[in-house]
N, C-alpha and C. Protein backbone atom coordinates (compact mmCIF):
# COMPACT_ATOMS: atom_id res chain seq x y z
N UNK A 1 27.03 5.17 22.81
CA UNK A 1 26.11 5.76 21.90
C UNK A 1 25.05 6.46 22.74
N UNK A 2 24.73 7.74 22.69
CA UNK A 2 23.68 8.40 23.13
C UNK A 2 22.71 8.34 22.15
N UNK A 3 21.54 8.88 22.71
CA UNK A 3 20.12 8.92 22.13
C UNK A 3 20.43 9.86 21.31
N UNK A 4 21.23 10.98 21.31
CA UNK A 4 21.13 11.90 20.40
C UNK A 4 22.25 11.64 19.13
N UNK A 5 22.97 10.72 19.38
CA UNK A 5 24.07 10.20 18.69
C UNK A 5 23.13 8.85 17.48
N UNK A 6 22.23 8.16 18.23
CA UNK A 6 21.65 7.18 17.38
C UNK A 6 20.67 7.56 16.79
N UNK A 7 20.02 8.84 16.86
CA UNK A 7 18.81 9.26 15.89
C UNK A 7 19.17 9.22 14.70
N UNK A 8 20.30 10.01 14.42
CA UNK A 8 20.57 10.23 12.75
C UNK A 8 20.77 9.00 12.23
N UNK A 9 21.65 8.04 12.80
CA UNK A 9 21.83 6.74 12.16
C UNK A 9 20.65 5.92 11.88
N UNK A 10 19.80 5.78 12.95
CA UNK A 10 18.67 5.20 12.58
C UNK A 10 17.78 5.76 11.49
N UNK A 11 17.74 7.07 11.30
CA UNK A 11 17.13 7.80 10.27
C UNK A 11 17.65 7.39 8.99
N UNK A 12 19.04 7.14 8.91
CA UNK A 12 19.88 7.04 7.57
C UNK A 12 19.44 5.42 7.16
N UNK A 13 19.20 4.58 8.19
CA UNK A 13 19.17 3.28 8.05
C UNK A 13 17.76 3.12 7.45
N UNK A 14 16.64 3.82 8.19
CA UNK A 14 15.24 3.69 7.58
C UNK A 14 15.15 4.26 6.27
N UNK A 15 15.69 5.26 6.14
CA UNK A 15 15.80 5.65 4.68
C UNK A 15 16.38 4.93 3.79
N UNK A 16 17.55 4.16 4.04
CA UNK A 16 18.09 3.53 3.20
C UNK A 16 17.12 2.18 2.71
N UNK A 17 16.53 1.71 3.79
CA UNK A 17 15.74 0.61 3.66
C UNK A 17 14.61 0.86 2.88
N UNK A 18 13.85 2.23 2.95
CA UNK A 18 12.84 2.38 2.19
C UNK A 18 13.22 2.90 0.74
N UNK A 19 14.41 3.29 0.45
CA UNK A 19 14.71 3.50 -0.80
C UNK A 19 14.97 2.27 -1.59
N UNK A 20 15.59 1.20 -0.78
CA UNK A 20 15.82 0.02 -1.34
C UNK A 20 14.50 -0.66 -1.52
N UNK A 21 13.37 -0.67 -0.86
CA UNK A 21 12.02 -1.14 -1.14
C UNK A 21 11.58 -0.33 -2.28
N UNK A 22 11.71 0.78 -2.32
CA UNK A 22 11.04 1.36 -3.67
C UNK A 22 11.94 1.20 -4.90
N UNK A 23 13.33 0.73 -4.81
CA UNK A 23 13.88 0.17 -6.13
C UNK A 23 13.45 -1.04 -6.37
N UNK A 24 13.09 -1.99 -5.36
CA UNK A 24 12.59 -3.51 -5.73
C UNK A 24 11.08 -3.34 -6.15
N UNK A 25 10.42 -2.36 -5.77
CA UNK A 25 9.27 -2.20 -6.31
C UNK A 25 8.88 -1.92 -7.81
N UNK A 26 9.87 -0.60 -8.18
CA UNK A 26 10.00 -0.59 -9.44
C UNK A 26 10.29 -1.63 -10.36
N UNK A 27 11.35 -2.20 -9.78
CA UNK A 27 12.21 -3.60 -10.66
C UNK A 27 10.93 -4.32 -10.93
N UNK A 28 10.27 -4.81 -9.75
CA UNK A 28 9.05 -5.67 -9.86
C UNK A 28 7.94 -5.44 -10.95
N UNK A 29 7.73 -3.94 -10.95
CA UNK A 29 6.76 -3.36 -11.72
C UNK A 29 7.34 -3.47 -13.13
N UNK A 30 8.21 -3.01 -13.52
CA UNK A 30 8.82 -3.23 -14.86
C UNK A 30 8.97 -4.55 -15.29
N UNK A 31 9.36 -5.74 -14.41
CA UNK A 31 9.41 -7.14 -14.82
C UNK A 31 8.01 -7.41 -15.11
N UNK A 32 7.17 -6.92 -14.25
CA UNK A 32 5.87 -7.58 -14.57
C UNK A 32 4.93 -6.97 -15.90
N UNK A 33 5.51 -5.72 -16.27
CA UNK A 33 5.02 -5.22 -17.33
C UNK A 33 5.73 -5.82 -18.67
N UNK A 34 6.95 -6.05 -18.57
CA UNK A 34 7.67 -6.58 -19.63
C UNK A 34 7.04 -8.22 -19.86
N UNK A 35 7.01 -8.83 -18.93
CA UNK A 35 6.25 -10.04 -19.04
C UNK A 35 4.79 -10.02 -19.70
N UNK A 36 3.97 -9.39 -19.04
CA UNK A 36 2.51 -9.01 -19.59
C UNK A 36 2.83 -8.72 -21.23
N UNK A 37 3.73 -7.67 -21.53
CA UNK A 37 4.00 -7.31 -22.97
C UNK A 37 4.24 -8.60 -23.59
N UNK A 38 5.23 -9.48 -23.35
CA UNK A 38 5.62 -10.75 -24.12
C UNK A 38 4.33 -11.52 -24.24
N UNK A 39 3.65 -11.60 -23.25
CA UNK A 39 2.52 -12.66 -23.41
C UNK A 39 1.43 -12.19 -24.27
N UNK A 40 1.17 -10.82 -24.47
CA UNK A 40 0.12 -10.05 -25.68
C UNK A 40 1.20 -10.50 -26.90
N UNK A 41 2.04 -9.90 -26.97
CA UNK A 41 3.00 -10.46 -28.48
C UNK A 41 2.67 -11.79 -28.67
N UNK A 42 2.79 -12.60 -28.13
CA UNK A 42 2.93 -13.99 -28.51
C UNK A 42 1.07 -14.18 -28.76
N UNK A 43 0.31 -14.03 -28.05
CA UNK A 43 -1.02 -13.98 -28.45
C UNK A 43 -1.73 -13.34 -29.53
N UNK A 44 -1.16 -12.21 -29.67
CA UNK A 44 -1.50 -11.28 -30.92
C UNK A 44 -0.70 -11.48 -32.13
N UNK A 45 0.44 -11.75 -32.09
CA UNK A 45 1.07 -12.03 -33.43
C UNK A 45 1.70 -13.44 -33.65
N UNK A 46 1.50 -14.37 -32.61
CA UNK A 46 2.30 -15.69 -32.71
C UNK A 46 1.30 -16.78 -33.69
N UNK A 47 2.28 -17.45 -34.22
CA UNK A 47 1.58 -18.44 -35.34
C UNK A 47 1.95 -19.81 -34.53
N UNK A 48 1.02 -20.89 -34.89
CA UNK A 48 1.11 -22.27 -34.26
C UNK A 48 2.54 -22.88 -34.97
N UNK A 49 2.93 -23.43 -33.96
CA UNK A 49 4.21 -24.60 -34.28
C UNK A 49 4.37 -25.73 -33.70
N UNK A 50 4.89 -26.67 -34.02
CA UNK A 50 5.02 -27.97 -33.31
C UNK A 50 6.58 -27.86 -32.62
N UNK A 51 6.75 -28.44 -31.40
CA UNK A 51 8.08 -27.99 -31.03
C UNK A 51 8.34 -29.62 -30.41
N UNK A 52 9.71 -29.91 -30.70
CA UNK A 52 10.26 -31.11 -30.38
C UNK A 52 11.08 -30.97 -28.96
N UNK A 53 10.75 -31.40 -27.97
CA UNK A 53 11.68 -31.05 -26.55
C UNK A 53 13.01 -31.56 -26.83
N UNK A 54 13.77 -30.76 -26.36
CA UNK A 54 15.35 -31.48 -26.62
C UNK A 54 16.03 -31.45 -25.23
N UNK A 55 15.02 -31.12 -24.05
CA UNK A 55 15.59 -31.28 -22.85
C UNK A 55 15.23 -30.32 -21.64
N UNK A 56 14.99 -30.82 -20.43
CA UNK A 56 14.61 -29.62 -19.66
C UNK A 56 15.57 -29.70 -18.51
N UNK A 57 15.52 -28.42 -17.58
CA UNK A 57 16.66 -28.37 -16.81
C UNK A 57 15.64 -28.22 -15.35
N UNK A 58 15.93 -28.47 -14.21
CA UNK A 58 15.02 -28.14 -12.77
C UNK A 58 15.60 -26.77 -12.34
N UNK A 59 14.79 -25.80 -11.99
CA UNK A 59 15.29 -24.60 -11.68
C UNK A 59 14.94 -24.70 -10.07
N UNK A 60 15.67 -24.38 -9.23
CA UNK A 60 15.36 -24.62 -7.59
C UNK A 60 15.30 -23.01 -7.18
N UNK A 61 14.69 -22.76 -6.05
CA UNK A 61 14.44 -21.46 -5.27
C UNK A 61 15.81 -21.11 -4.46
N UNK A 62 16.77 -22.15 -4.34
CA UNK A 62 17.90 -21.62 -3.19
C UNK A 62 18.70 -22.84 -3.08
N UNK A 63 20.03 -22.76 -2.45
CA UNK A 63 20.86 -23.69 -2.37
C UNK A 63 20.19 -24.91 -1.40
N UNK A 64 20.37 -25.99 -1.75
CA UNK A 64 19.56 -27.34 -0.86
C UNK A 64 18.34 -27.45 -1.12
N UNK A 65 17.54 -26.55 -1.80
CA UNK A 65 16.26 -26.70 -2.18
C UNK A 65 16.00 -27.82 -3.24
N UNK A 66 14.36 -28.00 -3.28
CA UNK A 66 14.09 -28.94 -4.25
C UNK A 66 14.10 -28.22 -5.61
N UNK A 67 13.60 -28.89 -6.50
CA UNK A 67 13.02 -28.14 -7.84
C UNK A 67 11.87 -27.37 -7.73
N UNK A 68 11.99 -26.24 -8.09
CA UNK A 68 10.63 -25.56 -8.16
C UNK A 68 9.96 -25.46 -9.14
N UNK A 69 10.57 -25.62 -10.55
CA UNK A 69 9.88 -25.56 -11.86
C UNK A 69 10.72 -26.29 -12.89
N UNK A 70 10.37 -26.74 -13.70
CA UNK A 70 11.34 -27.27 -14.87
C UNK A 70 11.25 -26.04 -16.11
N UNK A 71 12.34 -25.83 -16.69
CA UNK A 71 12.38 -24.86 -17.97
C UNK A 71 12.95 -25.90 -18.97
N UNK A 72 12.22 -26.05 -20.05
CA UNK A 72 12.49 -26.96 -21.13
C UNK A 72 12.89 -26.41 -22.27
N UNK A 73 13.57 -26.80 -23.18
CA UNK A 73 14.08 -26.34 -24.68
C UNK A 73 13.43 -27.13 -25.50
N UNK A 74 13.18 -26.70 -26.82
CA UNK A 74 12.57 -27.27 -28.01
C UNK A 74 13.04 -26.69 -29.04
N UNK A 75 13.10 -27.76 -30.27
CA UNK A 75 13.43 -27.20 -31.59
C UNK A 75 12.24 -27.06 -32.29
N UNK A 76 12.08 -26.07 -33.34
CA UNK A 76 10.89 -25.96 -34.11
C UNK A 76 11.39 -25.27 -35.16
N UNK A 77 10.80 -25.35 -36.35
CA UNK A 77 10.65 -24.74 -37.68
C UNK A 77 9.62 -23.44 -37.69
N UNK A 78 10.13 -22.63 -38.55
CA UNK A 78 9.18 -21.40 -38.80
C UNK A 78 9.64 -20.77 -39.84
N UNK A 79 8.95 -20.19 -40.83
CA UNK A 79 9.46 -19.69 -42.07
C UNK A 79 11.00 -20.21 -42.54
N UNK A 80 11.15 -21.43 -42.63
CA UNK A 80 11.87 -22.20 -43.39
C UNK A 80 13.32 -22.15 -42.26
N UNK A 81 13.11 -21.74 -41.11
CA UNK A 81 14.49 -21.56 -40.38
C UNK A 81 14.38 -22.63 -39.14
N UNK A 82 15.20 -23.21 -38.55
CA UNK A 82 15.33 -23.88 -37.25
C UNK A 82 15.75 -23.02 -36.18
N UNK A 83 14.97 -23.37 -34.83
CA UNK A 83 15.19 -22.79 -34.01
C UNK A 83 15.05 -23.75 -32.59
N UNK A 84 16.14 -23.39 -31.54
CA UNK A 84 16.27 -24.23 -30.18
C UNK A 84 15.92 -22.94 -29.14
N UNK A 85 14.89 -23.09 -28.71
CA UNK A 85 14.55 -22.10 -27.69
C UNK A 85 13.88 -22.71 -26.29
N UNK A 86 13.69 -21.89 -25.27
CA UNK A 86 13.02 -22.16 -24.16
C UNK A 86 11.57 -21.98 -24.44
N UNK A 87 11.01 -22.98 -24.07
CA UNK A 87 9.55 -23.13 -24.24
C UNK A 87 8.91 -22.57 -23.03
N UNK A 88 8.31 -21.12 -23.30
CA UNK A 88 7.44 -20.52 -22.05
C UNK A 88 6.26 -21.04 -21.99
N UNK A 89 5.52 -20.41 -20.69
CA UNK A 89 4.18 -21.02 -20.58
C UNK A 89 4.12 -22.19 -19.93
N UNK A 90 4.92 -23.09 -19.66
CA UNK A 90 4.86 -24.16 -19.08
C UNK A 90 6.08 -24.31 -17.86
N UNK A 91 5.73 -24.94 -16.71
CA UNK A 91 6.77 -25.08 -15.93
C UNK A 91 6.80 -26.59 -15.55
N UNK A 92 6.24 -27.26 -16.55
CA UNK A 92 6.11 -28.89 -16.36
C UNK A 92 7.23 -29.38 -16.92
N UNK A 93 7.59 -30.55 -16.18
CA UNK A 93 8.65 -31.49 -16.88
C UNK A 93 8.34 -32.00 -18.23
N UNK A 94 8.80 -31.88 -19.34
CA UNK A 94 8.27 -32.45 -20.64
C UNK A 94 9.34 -33.53 -20.95
N UNK A 95 8.80 -34.66 -21.62
CA UNK A 95 9.87 -35.71 -21.85
C UNK A 95 10.38 -35.15 -23.14
N UNK A 96 11.68 -35.60 -23.19
CA UNK A 96 12.87 -35.40 -24.38
C UNK A 96 12.20 -36.12 -25.31
N UNK A 97 12.14 -35.48 -26.57
CA UNK A 97 11.42 -35.91 -27.72
C UNK A 97 9.95 -35.78 -27.95
N UNK A 98 9.17 -35.49 -27.04
CA UNK A 98 7.95 -35.33 -27.11
C UNK A 98 7.60 -33.94 -28.04
N UNK A 99 6.36 -34.10 -28.57
CA UNK A 99 6.38 -33.06 -29.50
C UNK A 99 5.14 -32.25 -29.02
N UNK A 100 5.12 -31.00 -28.71
CA UNK A 100 4.13 -30.13 -28.05
C UNK A 100 3.69 -29.00 -29.08
N UNK A 101 2.24 -28.95 -29.02
CA UNK A 101 1.86 -27.59 -29.79
C UNK A 101 2.40 -26.33 -29.00
N UNK A 102 2.70 -25.38 -29.90
CA UNK A 102 3.24 -24.19 -28.93
C UNK A 102 2.75 -22.82 -30.30
N UNK A 103 3.22 -21.76 -29.75
CA UNK A 103 2.96 -20.51 -30.49
C UNK A 103 4.50 -19.88 -30.44
N UNK A 104 4.79 -19.28 -31.74
CA UNK A 104 5.97 -18.69 -31.87
C UNK A 104 5.49 -17.25 -32.58
N UNK A 105 6.22 -16.23 -32.34
CA UNK A 105 6.26 -14.86 -33.12
C UNK A 105 7.47 -15.08 -34.23
N UNK A 106 6.84 -14.64 -35.44
CA UNK A 106 7.90 -14.56 -36.50
C UNK A 106 8.78 -13.36 -36.25
N UNK A 107 10.03 -13.51 -36.51
CA UNK A 107 10.97 -12.64 -36.64
C UNK A 107 11.33 -12.35 -35.04
N UNK A 108 10.82 -13.04 -34.19
CA UNK A 108 11.40 -13.08 -32.70
C UNK A 108 11.48 -14.33 -32.16
N UNK A 109 12.33 -15.27 -32.68
CA UNK A 109 12.15 -16.93 -32.27
C UNK A 109 12.36 -17.09 -30.85
N UNK A 110 12.61 -16.27 -29.84
CA UNK A 110 12.94 -16.50 -28.58
C UNK A 110 11.39 -16.47 -28.06
N UNK A 111 10.57 -15.68 -28.51
CA UNK A 111 9.08 -15.70 -28.20
C UNK A 111 8.28 -16.94 -28.43
N UNK A 112 8.53 -18.30 -27.77
CA UNK A 112 8.14 -19.33 -28.08
C UNK A 112 7.29 -19.67 -26.68
N UNK A 113 6.07 -20.15 -27.05
CA UNK A 113 5.40 -20.32 -25.63
C UNK A 113 4.41 -21.47 -26.05
N UNK A 114 3.60 -22.27 -24.93
CA UNK A 114 2.51 -23.07 -25.09
C UNK A 114 1.46 -22.13 -25.23
N UNK A 115 0.41 -22.78 -26.07
CA UNK A 115 -0.82 -21.81 -25.98
C UNK A 115 -1.37 -21.57 -24.83
N UNK A 116 -1.67 -20.17 -24.59
CA UNK A 116 -2.20 -19.63 -23.32
C UNK A 116 -3.68 -20.03 -23.37
N UNK A 117 -3.88 -20.10 -22.08
CA UNK A 117 -5.35 -20.50 -21.47
C UNK A 117 -6.13 -19.17 -21.32
N UNK A 118 -5.69 -17.84 -21.06
CA UNK A 118 -6.63 -16.89 -20.76
C UNK A 118 -6.59 -15.99 -22.15
N UNK A 119 -7.45 -14.95 -22.24
CA UNK A 119 -7.54 -14.24 -23.20
C UNK A 119 -6.68 -12.79 -23.22
N UNK A 120 -6.29 -12.33 -22.11
CA UNK A 120 -5.43 -11.40 -21.89
C UNK A 120 -4.53 -11.43 -20.72
N UNK A 121 -3.86 -10.34 -20.81
CA UNK A 121 -2.52 -10.41 -19.48
C UNK A 121 -3.12 -10.44 -18.17
N UNK A 122 -2.09 -10.84 -17.34
CA UNK A 122 -2.68 -11.28 -16.04
C UNK A 122 -2.36 -10.28 -15.07
N UNK A 123 -2.88 -9.98 -14.05
CA UNK A 123 -2.75 -8.97 -13.19
C UNK A 123 -1.78 -9.64 -12.11
N UNK A 124 -1.63 -10.85 -11.54
CA UNK A 124 -0.66 -11.32 -10.68
C UNK A 124 0.65 -11.03 -10.42
N UNK A 125 1.33 -10.75 -11.57
CA UNK A 125 2.61 -10.11 -11.51
C UNK A 125 2.81 -9.01 -10.79
N UNK A 126 1.73 -8.26 -10.79
CA UNK A 126 1.60 -7.05 -10.10
C UNK A 126 1.45 -6.82 -8.50
N UNK A 127 1.09 -8.24 -8.24
CA UNK A 127 0.79 -8.31 -6.61
C UNK A 127 1.98 -7.98 -5.72
N UNK A 128 3.20 -8.29 -5.97
CA UNK A 128 4.15 -8.15 -5.19
C UNK A 128 4.70 -6.63 -5.16
N UNK A 129 4.54 -6.04 -6.29
CA UNK A 129 4.79 -4.55 -6.15
C UNK A 129 3.81 -3.40 -5.56
N UNK A 130 2.43 -4.17 -5.97
CA UNK A 130 1.31 -3.41 -5.07
C UNK A 130 1.69 -3.87 -3.65
N UNK A 131 1.81 -4.82 -3.26
CA UNK A 131 2.19 -5.02 -1.62
C UNK A 131 3.42 -4.15 -1.31
N UNK A 132 4.31 -4.15 -1.86
CA UNK A 132 5.59 -3.23 -1.42
C UNK A 132 5.38 -1.82 -1.58
N UNK A 133 4.68 -1.45 -2.70
CA UNK A 133 4.29 0.21 -2.67
C UNK A 133 3.48 0.26 -1.44
N UNK A 134 2.49 -0.40 -0.98
CA UNK A 134 1.80 -0.21 0.13
C UNK A 134 2.47 -0.24 1.34
N UNK A 135 3.47 -1.10 1.45
CA UNK A 135 4.32 -1.07 2.63
C UNK A 135 5.21 0.08 2.68
N UNK A 136 5.71 0.62 1.51
CA UNK A 136 6.61 2.02 1.32
C UNK A 136 5.43 3.01 2.04
N UNK A 137 4.45 3.09 1.19
CA UNK A 137 3.39 4.27 1.59
C UNK A 137 3.15 4.45 2.87
N UNK A 138 2.72 3.25 3.57
CA UNK A 138 2.38 3.15 4.89
C UNK A 138 3.45 3.48 5.98
N UNK A 139 4.74 3.11 5.41
CA UNK A 139 5.80 3.38 6.40
C UNK A 139 6.16 4.83 6.29
N UNK A 140 5.85 5.41 5.00
CA UNK A 140 6.38 7.05 5.15
C UNK A 140 5.38 7.66 5.83
N UNK A 141 3.90 7.37 5.93
CA UNK A 141 2.79 7.94 6.58
C UNK A 141 3.28 7.82 8.17
N UNK A 142 3.61 6.54 8.51
CA UNK A 142 3.93 6.22 10.02
C UNK A 142 4.97 7.25 10.50
N UNK A 143 6.19 7.42 9.41
CA UNK A 143 7.23 8.13 9.90
C UNK A 143 7.17 9.48 9.90
N UNK A 144 6.08 10.05 9.06
CA UNK A 144 5.84 11.34 8.92
C UNK A 144 4.96 11.83 10.48
N UNK A 145 4.08 10.74 10.72
CA UNK A 145 3.41 11.04 11.90
C UNK A 145 3.94 11.06 13.17
N UNK A 146 5.16 9.75 13.22
CA UNK A 146 5.88 9.75 14.27
C UNK A 146 7.01 11.16 14.46
N UNK A 147 7.62 11.26 13.23
CA UNK A 147 8.37 12.76 13.25
C UNK A 147 7.68 13.99 13.92
N UNK A 148 6.25 14.19 13.37
CA UNK A 148 5.46 15.28 13.84
C UNK A 148 5.09 15.27 15.27
N UNK A 149 4.80 14.14 15.86
CA UNK A 149 4.57 13.75 17.36
C UNK A 149 5.90 14.02 18.05
N UNK A 150 7.07 13.54 17.69
CA UNK A 150 8.17 13.62 18.06
C UNK A 150 8.27 15.16 18.47
N UNK A 151 8.53 15.86 17.11
CA UNK A 151 8.96 17.52 16.91
C UNK A 151 7.89 18.10 18.16
N UNK A 152 6.68 17.85 18.05
CA UNK A 152 5.55 18.54 19.03
C UNK A 152 5.90 18.30 20.37
N UNK A 153 6.54 16.84 20.78
CA UNK A 153 6.85 16.51 22.18
C UNK A 153 8.32 17.50 22.37
N UNK A 154 9.05 17.31 21.68
CA UNK A 154 10.40 18.25 21.70
C UNK A 154 10.10 19.98 21.91
N UNK A 155 9.51 20.25 20.99
CA UNK A 155 9.11 21.62 21.31
C UNK A 155 8.30 21.92 22.47
N UNK A 156 7.56 21.18 22.88
CA UNK A 156 6.62 21.18 24.38
C UNK A 156 7.74 21.15 25.43
N UNK A 157 8.75 20.48 25.17
CA UNK A 157 9.61 20.42 26.31
C UNK A 157 10.61 21.52 26.17
N UNK A 158 11.02 21.83 24.93
CA UNK A 158 11.79 23.19 24.59
C UNK A 158 11.36 24.13 25.27
N UNK A 159 9.86 24.66 25.05
CA UNK A 159 9.30 25.93 25.45
C UNK A 159 9.22 25.52 27.15
N UNK A 160 9.04 24.48 27.75
CA UNK A 160 8.78 24.45 28.92
C UNK A 160 10.16 24.91 29.68
N UNK A 161 11.12 24.31 29.22
CA UNK A 161 12.58 24.72 29.72
C UNK A 161 12.77 26.15 29.25
N UNK A 162 12.42 26.82 28.26
CA UNK A 162 12.72 28.40 28.04
C UNK A 162 11.66 29.04 29.17
N UNK A 163 10.44 28.60 29.33
CA UNK A 163 9.82 29.40 30.19
C UNK A 163 10.35 29.36 31.58
N UNK A 164 10.81 28.06 32.02
CA UNK A 164 11.32 28.01 33.28
C UNK A 164 12.63 29.09 33.50
N UNK A 165 13.43 29.25 32.46
CA UNK A 165 14.60 29.91 32.69
C UNK A 165 14.25 31.15 32.72
N UNK A 166 13.08 31.71 32.08
CA UNK A 166 12.61 33.06 32.25
C UNK A 166 12.40 33.46 33.56
N UNK A 167 11.65 32.58 34.66
CA UNK A 167 11.06 32.59 35.60
C UNK A 167 12.38 33.01 36.73
């Protein structure tokens, strides 16, 4: 493969990687916005409930890895109905049968969480999309700079060849 053949292939690969990073950035931003909306809904519309832990499941970060955090489920009663849902807001292992105070949203039983410590949504879920977005923007700036520099270099070389052929 010559340099002339490798150039377009490299450009396609770089563009594909940048598009993948843009897609990941958008997906992470949407995920962060949804999580913050869920937290806000629980904080503003939630009512106190008592949840009896029915069990916990260890969540790992990959094959052969240790447990990253725990996802616990519990039963609670709200407006005369009984629910068994994941207990949000805590990644700790809770003992089966333990009764914990929580907050549930009427009409949305899946929105169950231990009481939140902070008064507002968190900015931390947006950190990864911000870093990826900055990486994409800086990569685009670097590519434009490199492309213009290479074009100027090629134009200069072509101009010198054209001038030599006139002589």
